[in-house]
Amino acid sequence: MPNQRSLAEAKPGLVLLERFLEEAGRSRGEFGLEPRINYGTADPETWETAIRDWQAEGATHLSFNTMGSGFKTPREHIRAIEKFAQVALK
């Protein structure tokens, strides 16, 4: 959760999740949230914004997706992940 392309797209699902958790007597703070950030246009500023926004929303983990980015070799995917890691681990 969630599997949307952006936090804005995920908001309705997050509201629903929060309601279900509340009904179950749980809080969002004790429920992990792992968004997926896409490689997209390879723009580090876009990644930084997404990371910051998701952290503010309570994300506890994140995934990075390089599929569909036009890479032809595993090495190209690895380079993209390494570039993202430099941004994410600042």
N, C-alpha and C. Protein backbone atom coordinates (compact mmCIF):
# COMPACT_ATOMS: atom_id res chain seq x y z
N MET A 1 0.86 -1.17 0.00
CA MET A 1 0.00 0.00 0.00
C MET A 1 0.90 1.21 0.00
N PRO A 2 0.68 2.15 -0.73
CA PRO A 2 -0.26 2.23 -1.83
C PRO A 2 0.41 1.94 -3.17
N ASN A 3 -0.40 1.75 -4.18
CA ASN A 3 0.13 1.42 -5.50
C ASN A 3 -0.26 2.49 -6.52
N GLN A 4 -0.42 3.71 -6.08
CA GLN A 4 -0.71 4.81 -6.98
C GLN A 4 0.58 5.50 -7.38
N ARG A 5 0.52 6.31 -8.41
CA ARG A 5 1.71 6.99 -8.91
C ARG A 5 2.11 8.19 -8.06
N SER A 6 1.18 8.73 -7.30
CA SER A 6 1.51 9.91 -6.50
C SER A 6 0.73 9.90 -5.20
N LEU A 7 1.17 10.71 -4.27
CA LEU A 7 0.47 10.85 -3.01
C LEU A 7 -0.94 11.37 -3.24
N ALA A 8 -1.09 12.33 -4.16
CA ALA A 8 -2.42 12.88 -4.44
C ALA A 8 -3.38 11.78 -4.90
N GLU A 9 -2.90 10.88 -5.75
CA GLU A 9 -3.74 9.78 -6.22
C GLU A 9 -4.05 8.79 -5.10
N ALA A 10 -3.14 8.66 -4.15
CA ALA A 10 -3.30 7.71 -3.06
C ALA A 10 -4.20 8.22 -1.94
N LYS A 11 -4.41 9.53 -1.86
CA LYS A 11 -5.15 10.12 -0.73
C LYS A 11 -6.49 9.45 -0.45
N PRO A 12 -7.36 9.22 -1.45
CA PRO A 12 -8.63 8.57 -1.13
C PRO A 12 -8.45 7.20 -0.48
N GLY A 13 -7.50 6.42 -0.96
CA GLY A 13 -7.23 5.13 -0.36
C GLY A 13 -6.67 5.23 1.04
N LEU A 14 -5.87 6.25 1.28
CA LEU A 14 -5.31 6.45 2.63
C LEU A 14 -6.40 6.85 3.61
N VAL A 15 -7.34 7.65 3.16
CA VAL A 15 -8.48 8.03 4.01
C VAL A 15 -9.28 6.78 4.37
N LEU A 16 -9.52 5.94 3.38
CA LEU A 16 -10.25 4.70 3.61
C LEU A 16 -9.47 3.78 4.55
N LEU A 17 -8.17 3.66 4.33
CA LEU A 17 -7.33 2.85 5.20
C LEU A 17 -7.41 3.34 6.63
N GLU A 18 -7.32 4.65 6.81
CA GLU A 18 -7.39 5.21 8.16
C GLU A 18 -8.72 4.87 8.82
N ARG A 19 -9.81 4.94 8.07
CA ARG A 19 -11.13 4.61 8.62
C ARG A 19 -11.17 3.14 9.04
N PHE A 20 -10.67 2.25 8.17
CA PHE A 20 -10.67 0.83 8.51
C PHE A 20 -9.80 0.54 9.75
N LEU A 21 -8.66 1.19 9.82
CA LEU A 21 -7.81 0.99 10.99
C LEU A 21 -8.50 1.48 12.25
N GLU A 22 -9.14 2.63 12.16
CA GLU A 22 -9.85 3.19 13.31
C GLU A 22 -10.96 2.23 13.75
N GLU A 23 -11.70 1.69 12.80
CA GLU A 23 -12.77 0.75 13.12
C GLU A 23 -12.22 -0.51 13.79
N ALA A 24 -10.99 -0.87 13.46
CA ALA A 24 -10.35 -2.05 14.05
C ALA A 24 -9.62 -1.72 15.35
N GLY A 25 -9.70 -0.45 15.78
CA GLY A 25 -9.04 -0.05 17.03
C GLY A 25 -7.55 0.13 16.89
N ARG A 26 -7.09 0.40 15.67
CA ARG A 26 -5.66 0.61 15.42
C ARG A 26 -5.42 2.02 14.92
N SER A 27 -4.20 2.46 15.04
CA SER A 27 -3.85 3.79 14.54
C SER A 27 -2.93 3.66 13.34
N ARG A 28 -2.90 4.70 12.53
CA ARG A 28 -2.00 4.69 11.37
C ARG A 28 -0.55 4.61 11.82
N GLY A 29 -0.24 5.15 12.99
CA GLY A 29 1.12 5.14 13.48
C GLY A 29 1.68 3.75 13.72
N GLU A 30 0.82 2.77 13.90
CA GLU A 30 1.29 1.40 14.12
C GLU A 30 1.10 0.52 12.89
N PHE A 31 0.83 1.16 11.77
CA PHE A 31 0.60 0.46 10.51
C PHE A 31 1.59 0.96 9.48
N GLY A 32 2.40 0.06 8.94
CA GLY A 32 3.41 0.45 7.96
C GLY A 32 2.80 0.94 6.66
N LEU A 33 3.51 1.84 6.03
CA LEU A 33 3.07 2.41 4.76
C LEU A 33 4.26 2.41 3.82
N GLU A 34 4.14 1.70 2.69
CA GLU A 34 5.25 1.57 1.75
C GLU A 34 4.84 2.01 0.35
N PRO A 35 5.06 3.27 0.02
CA PRO A 35 4.75 3.74 -1.33
C PRO A 35 5.84 3.31 -2.31
N ARG A 36 5.49 3.36 -3.57
CA ARG A 36 6.43 3.06 -4.64
C ARG A 36 6.71 4.34 -5.41
N ILE A 37 7.97 4.67 -5.54
CA ILE A 37 8.39 5.84 -6.31
C ILE A 37 8.95 5.34 -7.63
N ASN A 38 8.47 5.92 -8.71
CA ASN A 38 8.90 5.49 -10.04
C ASN A 38 10.10 6.29 -10.52
N TYR A 39 10.92 5.65 -11.33
CA TYR A 39 12.08 6.30 -11.94
C TYR A 39 11.65 7.53 -12.72
N GLY A 40 10.57 7.42 -13.46
CA GLY A 40 10.02 8.56 -14.20
C GLY A 40 11.02 9.17 -15.15
N THR A 41 11.24 10.47 -15.02
CA THR A 41 12.13 11.21 -15.93
C THR A 41 13.54 11.32 -15.38
N ALA A 42 13.84 10.57 -14.34
CA ALA A 42 15.16 10.58 -13.71
C ALA A 42 15.49 11.91 -13.05
N ASP A 43 14.47 12.58 -12.56
CA ASP A 43 14.65 13.90 -11.96
C ASP A 43 14.80 13.77 -10.44
N PRO A 44 16.00 13.97 -9.91
CA PRO A 44 16.21 13.86 -8.47
C PRO A 44 15.32 14.79 -7.64
N GLU A 45 15.00 15.95 -8.15
CA GLU A 45 14.11 16.86 -7.41
C GLU A 45 12.72 16.27 -7.26
N THR A 46 12.24 15.59 -8.30
CA THR A 46 10.94 14.93 -8.21
C THR A 46 10.98 13.83 -7.17
N TRP A 47 12.07 13.06 -7.15
CA TRP A 47 12.20 12.00 -6.15
C TRP A 47 12.25 12.59 -4.75
N GLU A 48 13.04 13.66 -4.56
CA GLU A 48 13.14 14.29 -3.24
C GLU A 48 11.78 14.76 -2.75
N THR A 49 11.02 15.37 -3.63
CA THR A 49 9.69 15.85 -3.26
C THR A 49 8.80 14.68 -2.87
N ALA A 50 8.82 13.63 -3.68
CA ALA A 50 7.99 12.46 -3.38
C ALA A 50 8.39 11.83 -2.05
N ILE A 51 9.67 11.69 -1.80
CA ILE A 51 10.14 11.12 -0.54
C ILE A 51 9.67 11.97 0.63
N ARG A 52 9.88 13.27 0.53
CA ARG A 52 9.48 14.19 1.61
C ARG A 52 7.97 14.14 1.85
N ASP A 53 7.19 14.16 0.77
CA ASP A 53 5.72 14.12 0.91
C ASP A 53 5.25 12.82 1.55
N TRP A 54 5.82 11.71 1.11
CA TRP A 54 5.42 10.43 1.68
C TRP A 54 5.85 10.30 3.13
N GLN A 55 7.03 10.80 3.47
CA GLN A 55 7.45 10.76 4.87
C GLN A 55 6.50 11.57 5.74
N ALA A 56 6.08 12.73 5.25
CA ALA A 56 5.13 13.56 6.00
C ALA A 56 3.79 12.85 6.17
N GLU A 57 3.47 11.98 5.23
CA GLU A 57 2.21 11.21 5.28
C GLU A 57 2.33 9.99 6.18
N GLY A 58 3.55 9.70 6.63
CA GLY A 58 3.75 8.59 7.55
C GLY A 58 4.36 7.34 6.94
N ALA A 59 4.94 7.46 5.75
CA ALA A 59 5.56 6.30 5.13
C ALA A 59 6.69 5.76 6.01
N THR A 60 6.72 4.45 6.14
CA THR A 60 7.74 3.80 6.96
C THR A 60 8.81 3.12 6.10
N HIS A 61 8.48 2.85 4.87
CA HIS A 61 9.37 2.20 3.91
C HIS A 61 9.06 2.81 2.55
N LEU A 62 9.89 2.53 1.56
CA LEU A 62 9.53 2.89 0.20
C LEU A 62 10.20 1.95 -0.78
N SER A 63 9.57 1.82 -1.93
CA SER A 63 10.11 1.02 -3.02
C SER A 63 10.41 1.95 -4.18
N PHE A 64 11.34 1.53 -5.01
CA PHE A 64 11.72 2.32 -6.17
C PHE A 64 11.56 1.44 -7.40
N ASN A 65 10.83 1.91 -8.38
CA ASN A 65 10.52 1.13 -9.57
C ASN A 65 11.25 1.66 -10.79
N THR A 66 12.03 0.80 -11.42
CA THR A 66 12.73 1.18 -12.66
C THR A 66 12.12 0.51 -13.89
N MET A 67 11.12 -0.32 -13.69
CA MET A 67 10.50 -1.03 -14.82
C MET A 67 9.77 -0.02 -15.71
N GLY A 68 9.77 -0.29 -17.00
CA GLY A 68 9.10 0.59 -17.95
C GLY A 68 9.85 1.87 -18.24
N SER A 69 11.11 1.93 -17.84
CA SER A 69 11.91 3.14 -18.02
C SER A 69 12.81 3.07 -19.25
N GLY A 70 12.69 2.02 -20.01
CA GLY A 70 13.47 1.90 -21.23
C GLY A 70 14.85 1.28 -21.07
N PHE A 71 15.15 0.80 -19.87
CA PHE A 71 16.45 0.17 -19.66
C PHE A 71 16.50 -1.18 -20.36
N LYS A 72 17.66 -1.49 -20.92
CA LYS A 72 17.80 -2.72 -21.68
C LYS A 72 18.66 -3.77 -20.98
N THR A 73 19.39 -3.36 -19.94
CA THR A 73 20.25 -4.31 -19.25
C THR A 73 20.05 -4.20 -17.74
N PRO A 74 20.36 -5.26 -17.01
CA PRO A 74 20.29 -5.17 -15.56
C PRO A 74 21.19 -4.05 -15.02
N ARG A 75 22.34 -3.86 -15.64
CA ARG A 75 23.26 -2.81 -15.18
C ARG A 75 22.62 -1.43 -15.24
N GLU A 76 21.83 -1.18 -16.27
CA GLU A 76 21.15 0.13 -16.37
C GLU A 76 20.16 0.32 -15.21
N HIS A 77 19.45 -0.75 -14.86
CA HIS A 77 18.53 -0.68 -13.72
C HIS A 77 19.31 -0.41 -12.43
N ILE A 78 20.42 -1.11 -12.28
CA ILE A 78 21.24 -0.94 -11.07
C ILE A 78 21.77 0.49 -10.97
N ARG A 79 22.24 1.05 -12.07
CA ARG A 79 22.71 2.45 -12.06
C ARG A 79 21.60 3.40 -11.64
N ALA A 80 20.40 3.17 -12.15
CA ALA A 80 19.27 4.02 -11.78
C ALA A 80 18.96 3.91 -10.28
N ILE A 81 19.02 2.70 -9.77
CA ILE A 81 18.78 2.50 -8.34
C ILE A 81 19.87 3.17 -7.51
N GLU A 82 21.11 3.08 -7.96
CA GLU A 82 22.20 3.73 -7.25
C GLU A 82 22.02 5.26 -7.24
N LYS A 83 21.58 5.81 -8.37
CA LYS A 83 21.33 7.25 -8.45
C LYS A 83 20.22 7.64 -7.48
N PHE A 84 19.16 6.85 -7.45
CA PHE A 84 18.06 7.13 -6.53
C PHE A 84 18.53 7.03 -5.08
N ALA A 85 19.34 6.02 -4.77
CA ALA A 85 19.82 5.84 -3.40
C ALA A 85 20.62 7.05 -2.93
N GLN A 86 21.38 7.66 -3.81
CA GLN A 86 22.14 8.86 -3.43
C GLN A 86 21.20 9.98 -3.01
N VAL A 87 20.06 10.08 -3.66
CA VAL A 87 19.06 11.10 -3.33
C VAL A 87 18.33 10.71 -2.04
N ALA A 88 17.90 9.46 -1.97
CA ALA A 88 17.06 9.01 -0.85
C ALA A 88 17.83 8.95 0.47
N LEU A 89 19.12 8.72 0.42
CA LEU A 89 19.89 8.54 1.65
C LEU A 89 20.61 9.80 2.10
N LYS A 90 20.28 10.92 1.51
CA LYS A 90 20.91 12.19 1.93
C LYS A 90 20.62 12.48 3.37
